[in-house]
Amino acid sequence: MNSPQRMRRATIRDVARAAGVHPSTVSRALGNGGQANALVNAETRARILRIAAELNFRPDIAARTLKTGQSHTVGVLLPDLTNPLFPPIVRGLEDRFAEDGFVVLLGNTDDDAQRGELVLEGLLSRGVDALVVATARRDGTQFLELSRRLPIVLINRVFDDQLVPSVATDEVAGVRMAVEHVYRLGHRRIAHVAGPQDLSTGRNRYRGYVAEMGRLGLTVEDSMVCRAGLYSPDEGSRCARELLQGPHERPTAIVAANDMLAIGCYQALHALGLNCPEDVAIVGFNDAPFSDLLSPPLTSIRFPHYQVGLEAAQLVLERIADPSAPIKVIFLPPELVVRGSTCTKSTT
């Protein structure tokens, strides 16, 4: 018995014939927003969309890419997909890009340089129209050079020279808020678990710590700062042990450069038989979704994760539309969220 003939895929010409319009009108009506859609009146576009749905029409992405030079895909490089900081950011990216018909391709680097190279090459080989990057180091040589060939926007990262569009929180201000908070509670021996110093986040948050300690008239002792190699609970635990077990006087508060490091501080306190906040108060940064589920709930610096995604996507779309557009670096305001991991400390 002969096998049934495979159903032919509907084409733009099929939709145009059924709608009684020229194929170019269908192409414009089924475009991805902007000026193309504006060239077709609303009634005609609604009819074309209805007929396209009835015919189960699907655009030929490969053909459109060859014709327009655009794949309508954007690559997103993340250092750690398991970090709860990133899902709301990605959601913001996807929601904004979807409005203009773009699809997001995620790449997870595990914060590993070699893996990052492979993931980046994979995204570029698929012809992405732009990149959103959360993995760049402070000098950013590789991405700076790449930005001359396609639009790149950094999220949660800023190059020292600010030569690439970026969306981040005001990290210096955020850590200053954290230090001031524990100071007002009576803490004077305030330690800092710093993030990796080759990342703008680690460097800027350390700067914020030093600046606020100076403003408050407190000395930044070497024994009160430990620099983590990664944003991970293991590194947070290592640093907290170093801060708490040395021959120096123990800190009464620790400002961690992010919530993952703060989790490590919790672990170190538990292992050493110390309590938070009675023995040591802890403040994190990012206000990740799990922060209020910790015991005690973590005081943290919040920034609008979803809005970071929206703003970054908007910058990408602007750069795609006009590669010569001025470079924008957007800093979103932080907010101190006080929970149970901080408490009043007597100054006597």
C-alpha atoms as a PDB file:
ATOM      1  CA  MET A   1       0.000   0.000   0.000  1.00  0.00           C
ATOM      2  CA  ASN A   2       1.313   3.403  -0.893  1.00  0.00           C
ATOM      3  CA  SER A   3       2.156   5.681   2.029  1.00  0.00           C
ATOM      4  CA  PRO A   4      -0.010   8.817   2.281  1.00  0.00           C
ATOM      5  CA  GLN A   5       1.427  11.833   0.540  1.00  0.00           C
ATOM      6  CA  ARG A   6       3.001  14.281   2.921  1.00  0.00           C
ATOM      7  CA  MET A   7       0.870  17.405   3.353  1.00  0.00           C
ATOM      8  CA  ARG A   8       2.389  20.377   1.539  1.00  0.00           C
ATOM      9  CA  ARG A   9       3.424  23.245   3.764  1.00  0.00           C
ATOM     10  CA  ALA A  10       1.418  26.440   3.241  1.00  0.00           C
ATOM     11  CA  THR A  11       3.388  29.299   1.707  1.00  0.00           C
ATOM     12  CA  ILE A  12       3.068  33.072   1.753  1.00  0.00           C
ATOM     13  CA  ARG A  13       1.574  32.819  -1.781  1.00  0.00           C
ATOM     14  CA  ASP A  14      -1.136  30.470  -0.465  1.00  0.00           C
ATOM     15  CA  VAL A  15      -2.046  32.964   2.256  1.00  0.00           C
ATOM     16  CA  ALA A  16      -1.975  35.849  -0.240  1.00  0.00           C
ATOM     17  CA  ARG A  17      -4.249  33.972  -2.688  1.00  0.00           C
ATOM     18  CA  ALA A  18      -6.779  33.172   0.036  1.00  0.00           C
ATOM     19  CA  ALA A  19      -6.707  36.744   1.372  1.00  0.00           C
ATOM     20  CA  GLY A  20      -6.868  38.348  -2.075  1.00  0.00           C
ATOM     21  CA  VAL A  21      -3.714  40.409  -1.571  1.00  0.00           C
ATOM     22  CA  HIS A  22      -0.187  40.532  -2.937  1.00  0.00           C
ATOM     23  CA  PRO A  23       2.424  38.251  -1.231  1.00  0.00           C
ATOM     24  CA  SER A  24       4.418  41.331  -0.194  1.00  0.00           C
ATOM     25  CA  THR A  25       1.387  42.530   1.779  1.00  0.00           C
ATOM     26  CA  VAL A  26       1.276  39.186   3.606  1.00  0.00           C
ATOM     27  CA  SER A  27       4.981  39.438   4.316  1.00  0.00           C
ATOM     28  CA  ARG A  28       4.527  42.885   5.828  1.00  0.00           C
ATOM     29  CA  ALA A  29       1.452  41.853   7.826  1.00  0.00           C
ATOM     30  CA  LEU A  30       3.257  38.843   9.265  1.00  0.00           C
ATOM     31  CA  GLY A  31       6.376  40.859  10.031  1.00  0.00           C
ATOM     32  CA  ASN A  32       7.766  41.375  13.502  1.00  0.00           C
ATOM     33  CA  GLY A  33       6.288  44.701  14.440  1.00  0.00           C
ATOM     34  CA  GLY A  34       7.573  48.179  13.672  1.00  0.00           C
ATOM     35  CA  GLN A  35       7.354  49.903  10.291  1.00  0.00           C
ATOM     36  CA  ALA A  36       6.462  46.780   8.268  1.00  0.00           C
ATOM     37  CA  ASN A  37       3.234  46.207  10.204  1.00  0.00           C
ATOM     38  CA  ALA A  38       2.385  49.904  10.003  1.00  0.00           C
ATOM     39  CA  LEU A  39       2.234  49.669   6.181  1.00  0.00           C
ATOM     40  CA  VAL A  40      -0.784  47.314   6.361  1.00  0.00           C
ATOM     41  CA  ASN A  41      -4.116  48.606   7.644  1.00  0.00           C
ATOM     42  CA  ALA A  42      -5.505  46.916  10.743  1.00  0.00           C
ATOM     43  CA  GLU A  43      -8.489  45.250   8.992  1.00  0.00           C
ATOM     44  CA  THR A  44      -6.337  43.696   6.262  1.00  0.00           C
ATOM     45  CA  ARG A  45      -3.733  42.535   8.744  1.00  0.00           C
ATOM     46  CA  ALA A  46      -6.385  40.915  10.946  1.00  0.00           C
ATOM     47  CA  ARG A  47      -7.780  39.040   7.914  1.00  0.00           C
ATOM     48  CA  ILE A  48      -4.309  37.871   6.883  1.00  0.00           C
ATOM     49  CA  LEU A  49      -3.500  36.673  10.388  1.00  0.00           C
ATOM     50  CA  ARG A  50      -6.795  34.755  10.556  1.00  0.00           C
ATOM     51  CA  ILE A  51      -6.213  33.068   7.197  1.00  0.00           C
ATOM     52  CA  ALA A  52      -2.600  32.266   8.065  1.00  0.00           C
ATOM     53  CA  ALA A  53      -3.807  30.542  11.227  1.00  0.00           C
ATOM     54  CA  GLU A  54      -6.482  28.607   9.303  1.00  0.00           C
ATOM     55  CA  LEU A  55      -3.892  27.392   6.797  1.00  0.00           C
ATOM     56  CA  ASN A  56      -1.492  26.556   9.654  1.00  0.00           C
ATOM     57  CA  PHE A  57       1.082  28.792   7.993  1.00  0.00           C
ATOM     58  CA  ARG A  58       4.507  28.936   9.643  1.00  0.00           C
ATOM     59  CA  PRO A  59       7.204  31.354   8.438  1.00  0.00           C
ATOM     60  CA  ASP A  60      10.255  29.749   6.858  1.00  0.00           C
ATOM     61  CA  ILE A  61      12.875  31.102   9.267  1.00  0.00           C
ATOM     62  CA  ALA A  62      15.808  29.928   7.168  1.00  0.00           C
ATOM     63  CA  ALA A  63      14.442  31.618   4.066  1.00  0.00           C
ATOM     64  CA  ARG A  64      13.675  34.807   5.965  1.00  0.00           C
ATOM     65  CA  THR A  65      17.203  34.819   7.370  1.00  0.00           C
ATOM     66  CA  LEU A  66      18.682  34.500   3.879  1.00  0.00           C
ATOM     67  CA  LYS A  67      16.450  37.278   2.580  1.00  0.00           C
ATOM     68  CA  THR A  68      16.750  39.790   5.424  1.00  0.00           C
ATOM     69  CA  GLY A  69      20.081  38.836   6.962  1.00  0.00           C
ATOM     70  CA  GLN A  70      18.357  38.515  10.345  1.00  0.00           C
ATOM     71  CA  SER A  71      17.557  35.326  12.257  1.00  0.00           C
ATOM     72  CA  HIS A  72      15.372  37.110  14.842  1.00  0.00           C
ATOM     73  CA  THR A  73      17.213  35.236  17.560  1.00  0.00           C
ATOM     74  CA  VAL A  74      19.258  36.706  20.414  1.00  0.00           C
ATOM     75  CA  GLY A  75      21.872  34.722  22.308  1.00  0.00           C
ATOM     76  CA  VAL A  76      21.998  35.092  26.092  1.00  0.00           C
ATOM     77  CA  LEU A  77      25.180  34.059  27.916  1.00  0.00           C
ATOM     78  CA  LEU A  78      24.694  33.264  31.614  1.00  0.00           C
ATOM     79  CA  PRO A  79      27.341  32.166  34.129  1.00  0.00           C
ATOM     80  CA  ASP A  80      25.041  29.799  36.054  1.00  0.00           C
ATOM     81  CA  LEU A  81      21.509  28.779  35.069  1.00  0.00           C
ATOM     82  CA  THR A  82      20.887  27.410  38.563  1.00  0.00           C
ATOM     83  CA  ASN A  83      21.382  30.844  40.137  1.00  0.00           C
ATOM     84  CA  PRO A  84      17.850  32.078  40.962  1.00  0.00           C
ATOM     85  CA  LEU A  85      18.957  35.620  40.109  1.00  0.00           C
ATOM     86  CA  PHE A  86      18.668  34.938  36.383  1.00  0.00           C
ATOM     87  CA  PRO A  87      15.186  33.439  35.670  1.00  0.00           C
ATOM     88  CA  PRO A  88      13.311  36.735  36.260  1.00  0.00           C
ATOM     89  CA  ILE A  89      15.912  38.584  34.173  1.00  0.00           C
ATOM     90  CA  VAL A  90      15.492  36.072  31.331  1.00  0.00           C
ATOM     91  CA  ARG A  91      11.711  36.389  31.611  1.00  0.00           C
ATOM     92  CA  GLY A  92      12.026  40.146  31.137  1.00  0.00           C
ATOM     93  CA  LEU A  93      14.238  39.585  28.097  1.00  0.00           C
ATOM     94  CA  GLU A  94      11.846  37.064  26.549  1.00  0.00           C
ATOM     95  CA  ASP A  95       8.751  39.189  27.133  1.00  0.00           C
ATOM     96  CA  ARG A  96      10.236  42.271  25.492  1.00  0.00           C
ATOM     97  CA  PHE A  97      11.845  40.399  22.595  1.00  0.00           C
ATOM     98  CA  ALA A  98       8.613  38.505  21.882  1.00  0.00           C
ATOM     99  CA  GLU A  99       6.863  41.808  21.214  1.00  0.00           C
ATOM    100  CA  ASP A 100       9.168  42.269  18.206  1.00  0.00           C
ATOM    101  CA  GLY A 101       9.208  38.624  17.146  1.00  0.00           C
ATOM    102  CA  PHE A 102      12.621  37.694  18.535  1.00  0.00           C
ATOM    103  CA  VAL A 103      13.438  34.389  20.228  1.00  0.00           C
ATOM    104  CA  VAL A 104      16.003  33.929  23.008  1.00  0.00           C
ATOM    105  CA  LEU A 105      18.666  31.205  22.890  1.00  0.00           C
ATOM    106  CA  LEU A 106      20.211  30.548  26.316  1.00  0.00           C
ATOM    107  CA  GLY A 107      23.819  29.523  26.845  1.00  0.00           C
ATOM    108  CA  ASN A 108      25.134  28.426  30.249  1.00  0.00           C
ATOM    109  CA  THR A 109      28.897  28.756  30.806  1.00  0.00           C
ATOM    110  CA  ASP A 110      29.166  27.447  34.388  1.00  0.00           C
ATOM    111  CA  ASP A 111      31.482  30.443  34.852  1.00  0.00           C
ATOM    112  CA  ASP A 112      34.146  28.454  32.998  1.00  0.00           C
ATOM    113  CA  ALA A 113      36.219  30.226  30.328  1.00  0.00           C
ATOM    114  CA  GLN A 114      36.607  27.194  28.047  1.00  0.00           C
ATOM    115  CA  ARG A 115      32.968  26.255  28.213  1.00  0.00           C
ATOM    116  CA  GLY A 116      32.110  29.902  27.650  1.00  0.00           C
ATOM    117  CA  GLU A 117      34.106  29.924  24.397  1.00  0.00           C
ATOM    118  CA  LEU A 118      32.254  26.845  23.142  1.00  0.00           C
ATOM    119  CA  VAL A 119      28.839  28.216  24.066  1.00  0.00           C
ATOM    120  CA  LEU A 120      29.618  31.566  22.464  1.00  0.00           C
ATOM    121  CA  GLU A 121      30.795  29.924  19.241  1.00  0.00           C
ATOM    122  CA  GLY A 122      27.637  27.809  19.217  1.00  0.00           C
ATOM    123  CA  LEU A 123      25.423  30.877  19.463  1.00  0.00           C
ATOM    124  CA  LEU A 124      27.370  32.783  16.821  1.00  0.00           C
ATOM    125  CA  SER A 125      27.277  29.803  14.437  1.00  0.00           C
ATOM    126  CA  ARG A 126      23.486  29.870  14.663  1.00  0.00           C
ATOM    127  CA  GLY A 127      23.491  33.401  13.335  1.00  0.00           C
ATOM    128  CA  VAL A 128      22.118  35.247  16.350  1.00  0.00           C
ATOM    129  CA  ASP A 129      21.393  38.893  15.634  1.00  0.00           C
ATOM    130  CA  ALA A 130      22.716  40.070  19.002  1.00  0.00           C
ATOM    131  CA  LEU A 131      24.061  38.936  22.357  1.00  0.00           C
ATOM    132  CA  VAL A 132      23.049  39.642  25.935  1.00  0.00           C
ATOM    133  CA  VAL A 133      25.984  38.831  28.196  1.00  0.00           C
ATOM    134  CA  ALA A 134      26.127  38.268  31.952  1.00  0.00           C
ATOM    135  CA  THR A 135      29.535  36.570  31.932  1.00  0.00           C
ATOM    136  CA  ALA A 136      31.917  39.327  30.834  1.00  0.00           C
ATOM    137  CA  ARG A 137      34.988  40.206  32.903  1.00  0.00           C
ATOM    138  CA  ARG A 138      35.904  43.797  33.672  1.00  0.00           C
ATOM    139  CA  ASP A 139      38.267  44.383  30.749  1.00  0.00           C
ATOM    140  CA  GLY A 140      35.897  42.622  28.324  1.00  0.00           C
ATOM    141  CA  THR A 141      38.400  42.541  25.447  1.00  0.00           C
ATOM    142  CA  GLN A 142      36.656  39.685  23.652  1.00  0.00           C
ATOM    143  CA  PHE A 143      33.172  41.163  23.841  1.00  0.00           C
ATOM    144  CA  LEU A 144      34.412  44.670  23.145  1.00  0.00           C
ATOM    145  CA  GLU A 145      35.866  43.472  19.845  1.00  0.00           C
ATOM    146  CA  LEU A 146      32.759  41.424  19.085  1.00  0.00           C
ATOM    147  CA  SER A 147      30.541  44.450  19.737  1.00  0.00           C
ATOM    148  CA  ARG A 148      31.999  46.034  16.601  1.00  0.00           C
ATOM    149  CA  ARG A 149      30.366  43.242  14.560  1.00  0.00           C
ATOM    150  CA  LEU A 150      26.992  42.750  16.235  1.00  0.00           C
ATOM    151  CA  PRO A 151      24.952  44.367  19.002  1.00  0.00           C
ATOM    152  CA  ILE A 152      25.971  43.316  22.515  1.00  0.00           C
ATOM    153  CA  VAL A 153      24.397  44.398  25.790  1.00  0.00           C
ATOM    154  CA  LEU A 154      25.750  43.484  29.216  1.00  0.00           C
ATOM    155  CA  ILE A 155      23.473  42.625  32.128  1.00  0.00           C
ATOM    156  CA  ASN A 156      24.649  42.834  35.728  1.00  0.00           C
ATOM    157  CA  ARG A 157      28.054  43.754  34.332  1.00  0.00           C
ATOM    158  CA  VAL A 158      29.686  47.028  33.270  1.00  0.00           C
ATOM    159  CA  PHE A 159      33.047  47.411  31.548  1.00  0.00           C
ATOM    160  CA  ASP A 160      35.423  49.792  33.283  1.00  0.00           C
ATOM    161  CA  ASP A 161      35.459  52.083  30.243  1.00  0.00           C
ATOM    162  CA  GLN A 162      31.681  51.713  29.649  1.00  0.00           C
ATOM    163  CA  LEU A 163      32.186  51.169  25.914  1.00  0.00           C
ATOM    164  CA  VAL A 164      29.433  48.545  25.643  1.00  0.00           C
ATOM    165  CA  PRO A 165      25.733  49.141  26.445  1.00  0.00           C
ATOM    166  CA  SER A 166      24.877  47.760  29.876  1.00  0.00           C
ATOM    167  CA  VAL A 167      22.073  47.397  32.410  1.00  0.00           C
ATOM    168  CA  ALA A 168      23.032  46.911  36.047  1.00  0.00           C
ATOM    169  CA  THR A 169      22.077  47.990  39.521  1.00  0.00           C
ATOM    170  CA  ASP A 170      23.943  50.778  41.306  1.00  0.00           C
ATOM    171  CA  GLU A 171      26.141  48.349  43.216  1.00  0.00           C
ATOM    172  CA  VAL A 172      28.229  50.957  45.010  1.00  0.00           C
ATOM    173  CA  ALA A 173      25.092  52.583  46.408  1.00  0.00           C
ATOM    174  CA  GLY A 174      23.615  49.194  47.303  1.00  0.00           C
ATOM    175  CA  VAL A 175      26.537  48.044  49.428  1.00  0.00           C
ATOM    176  CA  ARG A 176      26.767  51.455  51.054  1.00  0.00           C
ATOM    177  CA  MET A 177      23.151  50.993  52.123  1.00  0.00           C
ATOM    178  CA  ALA A 178      24.009  47.580  53.591  1.00  0.00           C
ATOM    179  CA  VAL A 179      26.977  48.883  55.575  1.00  0.00           C
ATOM    180  CA  GLU A 180      25.031  51.867  56.846  1.00  0.00           C
ATOM    181  CA  HIS A 181      22.183  49.577  57.898  1.00  0.00           C
ATOM    182  CA  VAL A 182      24.305  47.397  60.191  1.00  0.00           C
ATOM    183  CA  TYR A 183      26.167  50.474  61.453  1.00  0.00           C
ATOM    184  CA  ARG A 184      22.873  52.036  62.527  1.00  0.00           C
ATOM    185  CA  LEU A 185      22.086  48.805  64.369  1.00  0.00           C
ATOM    186  CA  GLY A 186      25.242  49.332  66.426  1.00  0.00           C
ATOM    187  CA  HIS A 187      27.779  47.183  64.573  1.00  0.00           C
ATOM    188  CA  ARG A 188      31.301  48.554  64.252  1.00  0.00           C
ATOM    189  CA  ARG A 189      33.338  45.485  63.245  1.00  0.00           C
ATOM    190  CA  ILE A 190      31.799  45.083  59.820  1.00  0.00           C
ATOM    191  CA  ALA A 191      33.443  42.557  57.502  1.00  0.00           C
ATOM    192  CA  HIS A 192      33.022  42.099  53.769  1.00  0.00           C
ATOM    193  CA  VAL A 193      32.957  38.881  51.739  1.00  0.00           C
ATOM    194  CA  ALA A 194      33.902  40.415  48.406  1.00  0.00           C
ATOM    195  CA  GLY A 195      33.006  38.980  45.022  1.00  0.00           C
ATOM    196  CA  PRO A 196      35.560  38.136  42.302  1.00  0.00           C
ATOM    197  CA  GLN A 197      37.543  41.289  41.608  1.00  0.00           C
ATOM    198  CA  ASP A 198      37.822  40.590  37.866  1.00  0.00           C
ATOM    199  CA  LEU A 199      34.055  41.135  37.656  1.00  0.00           C
ATOM    200  CA  SER A 200      32.572  44.623  37.783  1.00  0.00           C
ATOM    201  CA  THR A 201      30.050  43.403  40.361  1.00  0.00           C
ATOM    202  CA  GLY A 202      32.756  42.254  42.751  1.00  0.00           C
ATOM    203  CA  ARG A 203      34.888  45.331  42.235  1.00  0.00           C
ATOM    204  CA  ASN A 204      32.048  47.862  42.544  1.00  0.00           C
ATOM    205  CA  ARG A 205      30.545  46.229  45.619  1.00  0.00           C
ATOM    206  CA  TYR A 206      33.952  46.237  47.289  1.00  0.00           C
ATOM    207  CA  ARG A 207      34.294  49.927  46.397  1.00  0.00           C
ATOM    208  CA  GLY A 208      30.937  50.575  48.003  1.00  0.00           C
ATOM    209  CA  TYR A 209      32.056  48.826  51.194  1.00  0.00           C
ATOM    210  CA  VAL A 210      35.299  50.816  51.404  1.00  0.00           C
ATOM    211  CA  ALA A 211      33.558  54.109  50.631  1.00  0.00           C
ATOM    212  CA  GLU A 212      30.857  53.708  53.276  1.00  0.00           C
ATOM    213  CA  MET A 213      33.254  52.448  55.947  1.00  0.00           C
ATOM    214  CA  GLY A 214      35.328  55.588  55.322  1.00  0.00           C
ATOM    215  CA  ARG A 215      32.308  57.865  55.474  1.00  0.00           C
ATOM    216  CA  LEU A 216      31.339  56.331  58.825  1.00  0.00           C
ATOM    217  CA  GLY A 217      34.852  56.771  60.194  1.00  0.00           C
ATOM    218  CA  LEU A 218      35.546  53.023  60.357  1.00  0.00           C
ATOM    219  CA  THR A 219      38.905  51.527  59.404  1.00  0.00           C
ATOM    220  CA  VAL A 220      38.958  48.908  56.649  1.00  0.00           C
ATOM    221  CA  GLU A 221      41.236  46.249  58.113  1.00  0.00           C
ATOM    222  CA  ASP A 222      42.771  43.572  55.899  1.00  0.00           C
ATOM    223  CA  SER A 223      41.469  40.970  58.326  1.00  0.00           C
ATOM    224  CA  MET A 224      37.922  42.221  57.729  1.00  0.00           C
ATOM    225  CA  VAL A 225      37.895  41.552  53.963  1.00  0.00           C
ATOM    226  CA  CYS A 226      38.032  38.196  52.186  1.00  0.00           C
ATOM    227  CA  ARG A 227      37.803  37.977  48.394  1.00  0.00           C
ATOM    228  CA  ALA A 228      35.877  35.066  46.911  1.00  0.00           C
ATOM    229  CA  GLY A 229      37.026  33.463  43.675  1.00  0.00           C
ATOM    230  CA  LEU A 230      33.456  32.636  42.626  1.00  0.00           C
ATOM    231  CA  TYR A 231      29.951  33.659  43.581  1.00  0.00           C
ATOM    232  CA  SER A 232      29.212  30.363  45.288  1.00  0.00           C
ATOM    233  CA  PRO A 233      28.164  29.094  48.740  1.00  0.00           C
ATOM    234  CA  ASP A 234      31.443  27.160  49.021  1.00  0.00           C
ATOM    235  CA  GLU A 235      33.470  30.332  48.539  1.00  0.00           C
ATOM    236  CA  GLY A 236      31.196  32.209  50.923  1.00  0.00           C
ATOM    237  CA  SER A 237      31.759  29.558  53.563  1.00  0.00           C
ATOM    238  CA  ARG A 238      35.534  29.610  53.056  1.00  0.00           C
ATOM    239  CA  CYS A 239      35.673  33.378  53.366  1.00  0.00           C
ATOM    240  CA  ALA A 240      33.411  33.499  56.412  1.00  0.00           C
ATOM    241  CA  ARG A 241      35.563  30.919  58.198  1.00  0.00           C
ATOM    242  CA  GLU A 242      38.646  32.984  57.429  1.00  0.00           C
ATOM    243  CA  LEU A 243      36.985  36.110  58.816  1.00  0.00           C
ATOM    244  CA  LEU A 244      35.658  34.388  61.938  1.00  0.00           C
ATOM    245  CA  GLN A 245      38.550  32.108  62.895  1.00  0.00           C
ATOM    246  CA  GLY A 246      41.590  34.378  62.643  1.00  0.00           C
ATOM    247  CA  PRO A 247      43.593  35.724  65.592  1.00  0.00           C
ATOM    248  CA  HIS A 248      41.909  39.105  65.166  1.00  0.00           C
ATOM    249  CA  GLU A 249      38.771  40.233  66.930  1.00  0.00           C
ATOM    250  CA  ARG A 250      35.753  38.596  65.339  1.00  0.00           C
ATOM    251  CA  PRO A 251      33.400  40.729  63.202  1.00  0.00           C
ATOM    252  CA  THR A 252      29.857  41.191  64.420  1.00  0.00           C
ATOM    253  CA  ALA A 253      28.418  41.753  60.949  1.00  0.00           C
ATOM    254  CA  ILE A 254      29.263  40.489  57.453  1.00  0.00           C
ATOM    255  CA  VAL A 255      28.189  42.241  54.269  1.00  0.00           C
ATOM    256  CA  ALA A 256      28.368  39.647  51.486  1.00  0.00           C
ATOM    257  CA  ALA A 257      28.735  40.645  47.834  1.00  0.00           C
ATOM    258  CA  ASN A 258      25.795  38.453  46.829  1.00  0.00           C
ATOM    259  CA  ASP A 259      23.219  36.071  48.256  1.00  0.00           C
ATOM    260  CA  MET A 260      25.060  32.902  47.206  1.00  0.00           C
ATOM    261  CA  LEU A 261      28.058  34.049  49.252  1.00  0.00           C
ATOM    262  CA  ALA A 262      25.697  34.908  52.108  1.00  0.00           C
ATOM    263  CA  ILE A 263      24.411  31.317  52.093  1.00  0.00           C
ATOM    264  CA  GLY A 264      28.009  30.190  52.560  1.00  0.00           C
ATOM    265  CA  CYS A 265      28.275  32.561  55.530  1.00  0.00           C
ATOM    266  CA  TYR A 266      25.230  30.882  57.078  1.00  0.00           C
ATOM    267  CA  GLN A 267      26.894  27.504  56.602  1.00  0.00           C
ATOM    268  CA  ALA A 268      30.137  28.667  58.207  1.00  0.00           C
ATOM    269  CA  LEU A 269      28.335  30.099  61.233  1.00  0.00           C
ATOM    270  CA  HIS A 270      26.437  26.860  61.732  1.00  0.00           C
ATOM    271  CA  ALA A 271      29.639  24.799  61.475  1.00  0.00           C
ATOM    272  CA  LEU A 272      31.368  27.038  64.027  1.00  0.00           C
ATOM    273  CA  GLY A 273      28.479  26.890  66.480  1.00  0.00           C
ATOM    274  CA  LEU A 274      27.583  30.552  66.001  1.00  0.00           C
ATOM    275  CA  ASN A 275      24.141  32.023  65.498  1.00  0.00           C
ATOM    276  CA  CYS A 276      22.792  34.573  63.056  1.00  0.00           C
ATOM    277  CA  PRO A 277      21.967  37.287  63.932  1.00  0.00           C
ATOM    278  CA  GLU A 278      22.808  36.958  67.653  1.00  0.00           C
ATOM    279  CA  ASP A 279      26.540  36.372  67.102  1.00  0.00           C
ATOM    280  CA  VAL A 280      27.020  37.665  63.564  1.00  0.00           C
ATOM    281  CA  ALA A 281      24.578  39.630  61.411  1.00  0.00           C
ATOM    282  CA  ILE A 282      24.599  38.924  57.665  1.00  0.00           C
ATOM    283  CA  VAL A 283      23.520  41.027  54.678  1.00  0.00           C
ATOM    284  CA  GLY A 284      23.403  39.713  51.114  1.00  0.00           C
ATOM    285  CA  PHE A 285      23.032  41.350  47.707  1.00  0.00           C
ATOM    286  CA  ASN A 286      20.508  40.628  44.890  1.00  0.00           C
ATOM    287  CA  ASP A 287      17.532  39.591  47.045  1.00  0.00           C
ATOM    288  CA  ALA A 288      17.238  36.285  45.203  1.00  0.00           C
ATOM    289  CA  PRO A 289      13.830  34.549  45.376  1.00  0.00           C
ATOM    290  CA  PHE A 290      15.016  32.188  48.129  1.00  0.00           C
ATOM    291  CA  SER A 291      16.206  34.981  50.447  1.00  0.00           C
ATOM    292  CA  ASP A 292      13.060  35.085  52.568  1.00  0.00           C
ATOM    293  CA  LEU A 293      13.037  31.278  52.899  1.00  0.00           C
ATOM    294  CA  LEU A 294      16.372  31.036  54.707  1.00  0.00           C
ATOM    295  CA  SER A 295      16.543  30.650  58.479  1.00  0.00           C
ATOM    296  CA  PRO A 296      16.714  33.393  59.512  1.00  0.00           C
ATOM    297  CA  PRO A 297      15.364  35.192  56.418  1.00  0.00           C
ATOM    298  CA  LEU A 298      18.175  37.094  54.740  1.00  0.00           C
ATOM    299  CA  THR A 299      18.448  40.869  54.783  1.00  0.00           C
ATOM    300  CA  SER A 300      19.523  41.736  51.242  1.00  0.00           C
ATOM    301  CA  ILE A 301      19.892  44.477  48.645  1.00  0.00           C
ATOM    302  CA  ARG A 302      17.138  44.153  46.066  1.00  0.00           C
ATOM    303  CA  PHE A 303      17.152  45.340  42.497  1.00  0.00           C
ATOM    304  CA  PRO A 304      14.392  44.893  39.897  1.00  0.00           C
ATOM    305  CA  HIS A 305      15.497  41.707  38.120  1.00  0.00           C
ATOM    306  CA  TYR A 306      12.621  41.605  35.627  1.00  0.00           C
ATOM    307  CA  GLN A 307      13.180  45.247  34.710  1.00  0.00           C
ATOM    308  CA  VAL A 308      16.852  44.502  34.017  1.00  0.00           C
ATOM    309  CA  GLY A 309      15.682  42.052  31.356  1.00  0.00           C
ATOM    310  CA  LEU A 310      13.195  44.512  29.870  1.00  0.00           C
ATOM    311  CA  GLU A 311      15.740  47.336  29.727  1.00  0.00           C
ATOM    312  CA  ALA A 312      18.455  45.109  28.255  1.00  0.00           C
ATOM    313  CA  ALA A 313      16.140  43.810  25.533  1.00  0.00           C
ATOM    314  CA  GLN A 314      15.133  47.366  24.661  1.00  0.00           C
ATOM    315  CA  LEU A 315      18.801  48.363  24.319  1.00  0.00           C
ATOM    316  CA  VAL A 316      19.418  45.368  22.047  1.00  0.00           C
ATOM    317  CA  LEU A 317      16.484  46.266  19.804  1.00  0.00           C
ATOM    318  CA  GLU A 318      17.695  49.855  19.592  1.00  0.00           C
ATOM    319  CA  ARG A 319      21.184  48.688  18.582  1.00  0.00           C
ATOM    320  CA  ILE A 320      19.766  46.311  15.961  1.00  0.00           C
ATOM    321  CA  ALA A 321      17.691  49.145  14.482  1.00  0.00           C
ATOM    322  CA  ASP A 322      20.621  51.587  14.591  1.00  0.00           C
ATOM    323  CA  PRO A 323      24.096  50.127  15.279  1.00  0.00           C
ATOM    324  CA  SER A 324      25.489  53.664  15.505  1.00  0.00           C
ATOM    325  CA  ALA A 325      23.089  54.696  18.284  1.00  0.00           C
ATOM    326  CA  PRO A 326      24.756  56.220  21.374  1.00  0.00           C
ATOM    327  CA  ILE A 327      25.990  53.733  23.960  1.00  0.00           C
ATOM    328  CA  LYS A 328      23.754  53.684  27.030  1.00  0.00           C
ATOM    329  CA  VAL A 329      24.732  52.406  30.465  1.00  0.00           C
ATOM    330  CA  ILE A 330      21.691  52.128  32.728  1.00  0.00           C
ATOM    331  CA  PHE A 331      21.971  51.823  36.512  1.00  0.00           C
ATOM    332  CA  LEU A 332      18.771  50.785  38.285  1.00  0.00           C
ATOM    333  CA  PRO A 333      18.281  51.887  41.905  1.00  0.00           C
ATOM    334  CA  PRO A 334      18.792  49.325  44.700  1.00  0.00           C
ATOM    335  CA  GLU A 335      16.564  48.819  47.728  1.00  0.00           C
ATOM    336  CA  LEU A 336      17.424  47.541  51.201  1.00  0.00           C
ATOM    337  CA  VAL A 337      15.104  44.698  52.291  1.00  0.00           C
ATOM    338  CA  VAL A 338      15.434  44.135  56.041  1.00  0.00           C
ATOM    339  CA  ARG A 339      14.748  40.664  57.409  1.00  0.00           C
ATOM    340  CA  GLY A 340      15.791  38.505  60.333  1.00  0.00           C
ATOM    341  CA  SER A 341      19.513  38.096  59.574  1.00  0.00           C
ATOM    342  CA  THR A 342      20.326  41.528  61.048  1.00  0.00           C
ATOM    343  CA  CYS A 343      19.697  42.707  64.580  1.00  0.00           C
ATOM    344  CA  THR A 344      20.672  45.443  67.026  1.00  0.00           C
ATOM    345  CA  LYS A 345      24.219  45.229  68.404  1.00  0.00           C
ATOM    346  CA  SER A 346      25.225  47.045  71.568  1.00  0.00           C
ATOM    347  CA  THR A 347      28.081  49.495  71.036  1.00  0.00           C
ATOM    348  CA  THR A 348      29.364  49.005  74.568  1.00  0.00           C
END
